[in-house]
Amino acid sequence: MAKATKHINKSKSKHKHPEATLPKKWHPAPLKSSFMLLSILGFFVTIFMVLPRFPSMGTAFLIVFIAMFVAAVVSMTKAPVINENK
């Protein structure tokens, strides 16, 4: 009877939850340079074309493009360097 209990405990320990395998430290993903370019272009198009006609929609777009730009800067400064010469 003790052997059956040990077998059950072993089978439970093999099946870990996905949360247990996640890394504990946060690492930003490297983003493409086109992502930053899109955020800058979207910001300027929103300021000159959308914001004068539709102030509430223009403000929402500005918030989105500013968040995209900040994400691109964080990715550029904190993401790990990937060696492409493999």
N, C-alpha and C. Protein backbone atom coordinates (compact mmCIF):
# COMPACT_ATOMS: atom_id res chain seq x y z
N MET A 1 0.81 -1.19 0.00
CA MET A 1 0.00 0.00 0.00
C MET A 1 0.86 1.26 0.00
N ALA A 2 1.99 1.21 0.65
CA ALA A 2 2.88 2.37 0.67
C ALA A 2 3.47 2.62 -0.71
N LYS A 3 3.70 1.56 -1.48
CA LYS A 3 4.24 1.74 -2.82
C LYS A 3 3.25 2.45 -3.73
N ALA A 4 2.00 2.18 -3.60
CA ALA A 4 0.98 2.84 -4.42
C ALA A 4 0.93 4.33 -4.09
N THR A 5 1.08 4.67 -2.84
CA THR A 5 1.06 6.08 -2.43
C THR A 5 2.28 6.81 -3.00
N LYS A 6 3.44 6.17 -2.97
CA LYS A 6 4.62 6.79 -3.54
C LYS A 6 4.47 6.98 -5.04
N HIS A 7 3.88 6.01 -5.70
CA HIS A 7 3.68 6.13 -7.15
C HIS A 7 2.75 7.30 -7.49
N ILE A 8 1.72 7.48 -6.72
CA ILE A 8 0.78 8.59 -6.95
C ILE A 8 1.49 9.91 -6.72
N ASN A 9 2.29 10.02 -5.69
CA ASN A 9 3.01 11.26 -5.41
C ASN A 9 4.02 11.57 -6.51
N LYS A 10 4.68 10.55 -7.05
CA LYS A 10 5.63 10.77 -8.13
C LYS A 10 4.92 11.25 -9.38
N SER A 11 3.77 10.68 -9.68
CA SER A 11 3.06 11.10 -10.90
C SER A 11 2.56 12.54 -10.75
N LYS A 12 2.20 12.94 -9.57
CA LYS A 12 1.77 14.33 -9.36
C LYS A 12 2.93 15.29 -9.51
N SER A 13 4.11 14.89 -9.07
CA SER A 13 5.26 15.79 -9.15
C SER A 13 5.75 15.96 -10.58
N LYS A 14 5.48 14.99 -11.46
CA LYS A 14 5.90 15.10 -12.85
C LYS A 14 5.07 16.13 -13.61
N HIS A 15 3.82 16.26 -13.27
CA HIS A 15 2.92 17.18 -13.96
C HIS A 15 2.88 18.50 -13.21
N LYS A 16 3.79 19.38 -13.57
CA LYS A 16 3.84 20.69 -12.91
C LYS A 16 2.93 21.66 -13.64
N HIS A 17 2.50 22.65 -12.92
CA HIS A 17 1.67 23.69 -13.51
C HIS A 17 2.52 24.55 -14.43
N PRO A 18 1.92 25.13 -15.47
CA PRO A 18 2.70 25.98 -16.39
C PRO A 18 3.32 27.19 -15.68
N GLU A 19 2.69 27.67 -14.62
CA GLU A 19 3.23 28.82 -13.90
C GLU A 19 4.58 28.49 -13.26
N ALA A 20 4.80 27.23 -12.94
CA ALA A 20 6.05 26.84 -12.29
C ALA A 20 7.22 26.88 -13.27
N THR A 21 6.96 26.79 -14.57
CA THR A 21 8.04 26.77 -15.54
C THR A 21 8.35 28.16 -16.11
N LEU A 22 7.57 29.17 -15.78
CA LEU A 22 7.81 30.51 -16.29
C LEU A 22 9.05 31.12 -15.65
N PRO A 23 9.79 31.93 -16.39
CA PRO A 23 10.94 32.59 -15.79
C PRO A 23 10.47 33.62 -14.75
N LYS A 24 11.28 33.81 -13.74
CA LYS A 24 10.88 34.70 -12.66
C LYS A 24 11.17 36.16 -12.97
N LYS A 25 12.13 36.43 -13.85
CA LYS A 25 12.47 37.80 -14.17
C LYS A 25 11.88 38.18 -15.52
N TRP A 26 11.38 39.40 -15.61
CA TRP A 26 10.76 39.88 -16.84
C TRP A 26 11.83 40.32 -17.82
N HIS A 27 11.71 39.89 -19.07
CA HIS A 27 12.63 40.28 -20.12
C HIS A 27 11.83 40.87 -21.28
N PRO A 28 12.18 42.08 -21.72
CA PRO A 28 11.44 42.65 -22.86
C PRO A 28 11.81 41.95 -24.16
N ALA A 29 10.85 41.89 -25.05
CA ALA A 29 11.09 41.26 -26.35
C ALA A 29 11.71 42.27 -27.30
N PRO A 30 12.67 41.86 -28.11
CA PRO A 30 13.22 42.79 -29.10
C PRO A 30 12.19 43.08 -30.19
N LEU A 31 11.91 44.35 -30.42
CA LEU A 31 10.94 44.76 -31.42
C LEU A 31 11.67 45.23 -32.68
N LYS A 32 10.98 45.19 -33.78
CA LYS A 32 11.57 45.63 -35.05
C LYS A 32 11.64 47.15 -35.09
N SER A 33 12.52 47.65 -35.92
CA SER A 33 12.65 49.10 -36.06
C SER A 33 11.43 49.70 -36.74
N SER A 34 10.72 48.92 -37.52
CA SER A 34 9.51 49.42 -38.17
C SER A 34 8.42 49.74 -37.15
N PHE A 35 8.46 49.08 -36.00
CA PHE A 35 7.50 49.38 -34.93
C PHE A 35 7.71 50.80 -34.42
N MET A 36 8.97 51.19 -34.22
CA MET A 36 9.25 52.56 -33.77
C MET A 36 8.91 53.56 -34.86
N LEU A 37 9.24 53.24 -36.09
CA LEU A 37 8.91 54.13 -37.21
C LEU A 37 7.41 54.34 -37.32
N LEU A 38 6.64 53.29 -37.17
CA LEU A 38 5.18 53.40 -37.22
C LEU A 38 4.65 54.26 -36.08
N SER A 39 5.24 54.15 -34.91
CA SER A 39 4.77 54.97 -33.78
C SER A 39 5.07 56.45 -34.02
N ILE A 40 6.23 56.76 -34.58
CA ILE A 40 6.58 58.16 -34.85
C ILE A 40 5.70 58.73 -35.96
N LEU A 41 5.55 57.98 -37.05
CA LEU A 41 4.70 58.46 -38.14
C LEU A 41 3.24 58.60 -37.71
N GLY A 42 2.75 57.63 -36.95
CA GLY A 42 1.38 57.71 -36.45
C GLY A 42 1.17 58.89 -35.54
N PHE A 43 2.18 59.21 -34.73
CA PHE A 43 2.10 60.37 -33.84
C PHE A 43 1.95 61.66 -34.64
N PHE A 44 2.80 61.83 -35.66
CA PHE A 44 2.74 63.07 -36.45
C PHE A 44 1.48 63.16 -37.31
N VAL A 45 1.05 62.06 -37.88
CA VAL A 45 -0.19 62.07 -38.66
C VAL A 45 -1.37 62.40 -37.74
N THR A 46 -1.36 61.87 -36.55
CA THR A 46 -2.45 62.15 -35.60
C THR A 46 -2.45 63.61 -35.20
N ILE A 47 -1.28 64.19 -34.95
CA ILE A 47 -1.22 65.59 -34.53
C ILE A 47 -1.72 66.52 -35.62
N PHE A 48 -1.30 66.28 -36.88
CA PHE A 48 -1.61 67.23 -37.94
C PHE A 48 -2.93 66.95 -38.67
N MET A 49 -3.40 65.71 -38.67
CA MET A 49 -4.60 65.41 -39.46
C MET A 49 -5.81 65.00 -38.63
N VAL A 50 -5.61 64.19 -37.60
CA VAL A 50 -6.75 63.65 -36.85
C VAL A 50 -7.16 64.57 -35.71
N LEU A 51 -6.19 65.05 -34.95
CA LEU A 51 -6.49 65.85 -33.75
C LEU A 51 -7.29 67.13 -34.04
N PRO A 52 -7.00 67.89 -35.10
CA PRO A 52 -7.82 69.09 -35.35
C PRO A 52 -9.28 68.79 -35.68
N ARG A 53 -9.53 67.68 -36.34
CA ARG A 53 -10.91 67.35 -36.75
C ARG A 53 -11.69 66.60 -35.67
N PHE A 54 -11.03 65.65 -35.03
CA PHE A 54 -11.68 64.80 -34.03
C PHE A 54 -10.82 64.80 -32.76
N PRO A 55 -11.04 65.75 -31.85
CA PRO A 55 -10.16 65.87 -30.68
C PRO A 55 -10.16 64.64 -29.76
N SER A 56 -11.30 64.03 -29.52
CA SER A 56 -11.32 62.89 -28.61
C SER A 56 -10.63 61.66 -29.24
N MET A 57 -10.90 61.41 -30.53
CA MET A 57 -10.24 60.30 -31.20
C MET A 57 -8.75 60.58 -31.37
N GLY A 58 -8.38 61.82 -31.65
CA GLY A 58 -6.98 62.18 -31.78
C GLY A 58 -6.22 61.98 -30.48
N THR A 59 -6.85 62.31 -29.37
CA THR A 59 -6.21 62.11 -28.06
C THR A 59 -6.00 60.62 -27.79
N ALA A 60 -6.98 59.80 -28.13
CA ALA A 60 -6.83 58.36 -27.95
C ALA A 60 -5.70 57.81 -28.81
N PHE A 61 -5.64 58.26 -30.07
CA PHE A 61 -4.55 57.82 -30.95
C PHE A 61 -3.19 58.27 -30.42
N LEU A 62 -3.12 59.50 -29.90
CA LEU A 62 -1.85 59.98 -29.35
C LEU A 62 -1.38 59.11 -28.19
N ILE A 63 -2.31 58.71 -27.34
CA ILE A 63 -1.95 57.85 -26.21
C ILE A 63 -1.42 56.51 -26.71
N VAL A 64 -2.07 55.96 -27.72
CA VAL A 64 -1.62 54.67 -28.26
C VAL A 64 -0.24 54.78 -28.90
N PHE A 65 -0.02 55.84 -29.69
CA PHE A 65 1.28 55.97 -30.36
C PHE A 65 2.40 56.32 -29.38
N ILE A 66 2.09 57.07 -28.34
CA ILE A 66 3.10 57.34 -27.30
C ILE A 66 3.45 56.06 -26.57
N ALA A 67 2.46 55.23 -26.26
CA ALA A 67 2.73 53.95 -25.60
C ALA A 67 3.57 53.04 -26.51
N MET A 68 3.28 53.06 -27.81
CA MET A 68 4.10 52.28 -28.74
C MET A 68 5.54 52.77 -28.77
N PHE A 69 5.73 54.07 -28.76
CA PHE A 69 7.08 54.63 -28.79
C PHE A 69 7.84 54.27 -27.51
N VAL A 70 7.17 54.37 -26.38
CA VAL A 70 7.82 54.01 -25.11
C VAL A 70 8.20 52.53 -25.10
N ALA A 71 7.30 51.67 -25.62
CA ALA A 71 7.61 50.24 -25.69
C ALA A 71 8.81 49.98 -26.60
N ALA A 72 8.91 50.72 -27.69
CA ALA A 72 10.04 50.54 -28.60
C ALA A 72 11.34 50.99 -27.95
N VAL A 73 11.30 52.08 -27.20
CA VAL A 73 12.52 52.56 -26.53
C VAL A 73 12.95 51.58 -25.44
N VAL A 74 12.00 51.08 -24.66
CA VAL A 74 12.33 50.10 -23.62
C VAL A 74 12.90 48.84 -24.26
N SER A 75 12.31 48.40 -25.35
CA SER A 75 12.81 47.22 -26.04
C SER A 75 14.22 47.46 -26.57
N MET A 76 14.47 48.66 -27.07
CA MET A 76 15.77 48.97 -27.65
C MET A 76 16.86 49.01 -26.59
N THR A 77 16.53 49.46 -25.40
CA THR A 77 17.56 49.61 -24.37
C THR A 77 17.69 48.40 -23.46
N LYS A 78 16.63 47.63 -23.27
CA LYS A 78 16.66 46.55 -22.28
C LYS A 78 16.64 45.14 -22.86
N ALA A 79 16.31 44.99 -24.13
CA ALA A 79 16.20 43.63 -24.70
C ALA A 79 17.58 43.01 -24.88
N PRO A 80 17.65 41.69 -24.74
CA PRO A 80 18.94 41.02 -24.94
C PRO A 80 19.37 41.08 -26.41
N VAL A 81 20.67 41.09 -26.62
CA VAL A 81 21.22 41.13 -27.97
C VAL A 81 21.17 39.73 -28.56
N ILE A 82 20.65 39.61 -29.77
CA ILE A 82 20.53 38.33 -30.44
C ILE A 82 21.59 38.26 -31.53
N ASN A 83 22.38 37.21 -31.51
CA ASN A 83 23.42 37.02 -32.51
C ASN A 83 22.79 36.45 -33.77
N GLU A 84 22.82 37.18 -34.87
CA GLU A 84 22.21 36.73 -36.11
C GLU A 84 23.19 35.98 -37.00
N ASN A 85 24.45 35.90 -36.64
CA ASN A 85 25.47 35.23 -37.45
C ASN A 85 25.67 33.80 -36.96
N LYS A 86 24.68 32.95 -37.15
CA LYS A 86 24.79 31.58 -36.66
C LYS A 86 25.19 30.65 -37.75
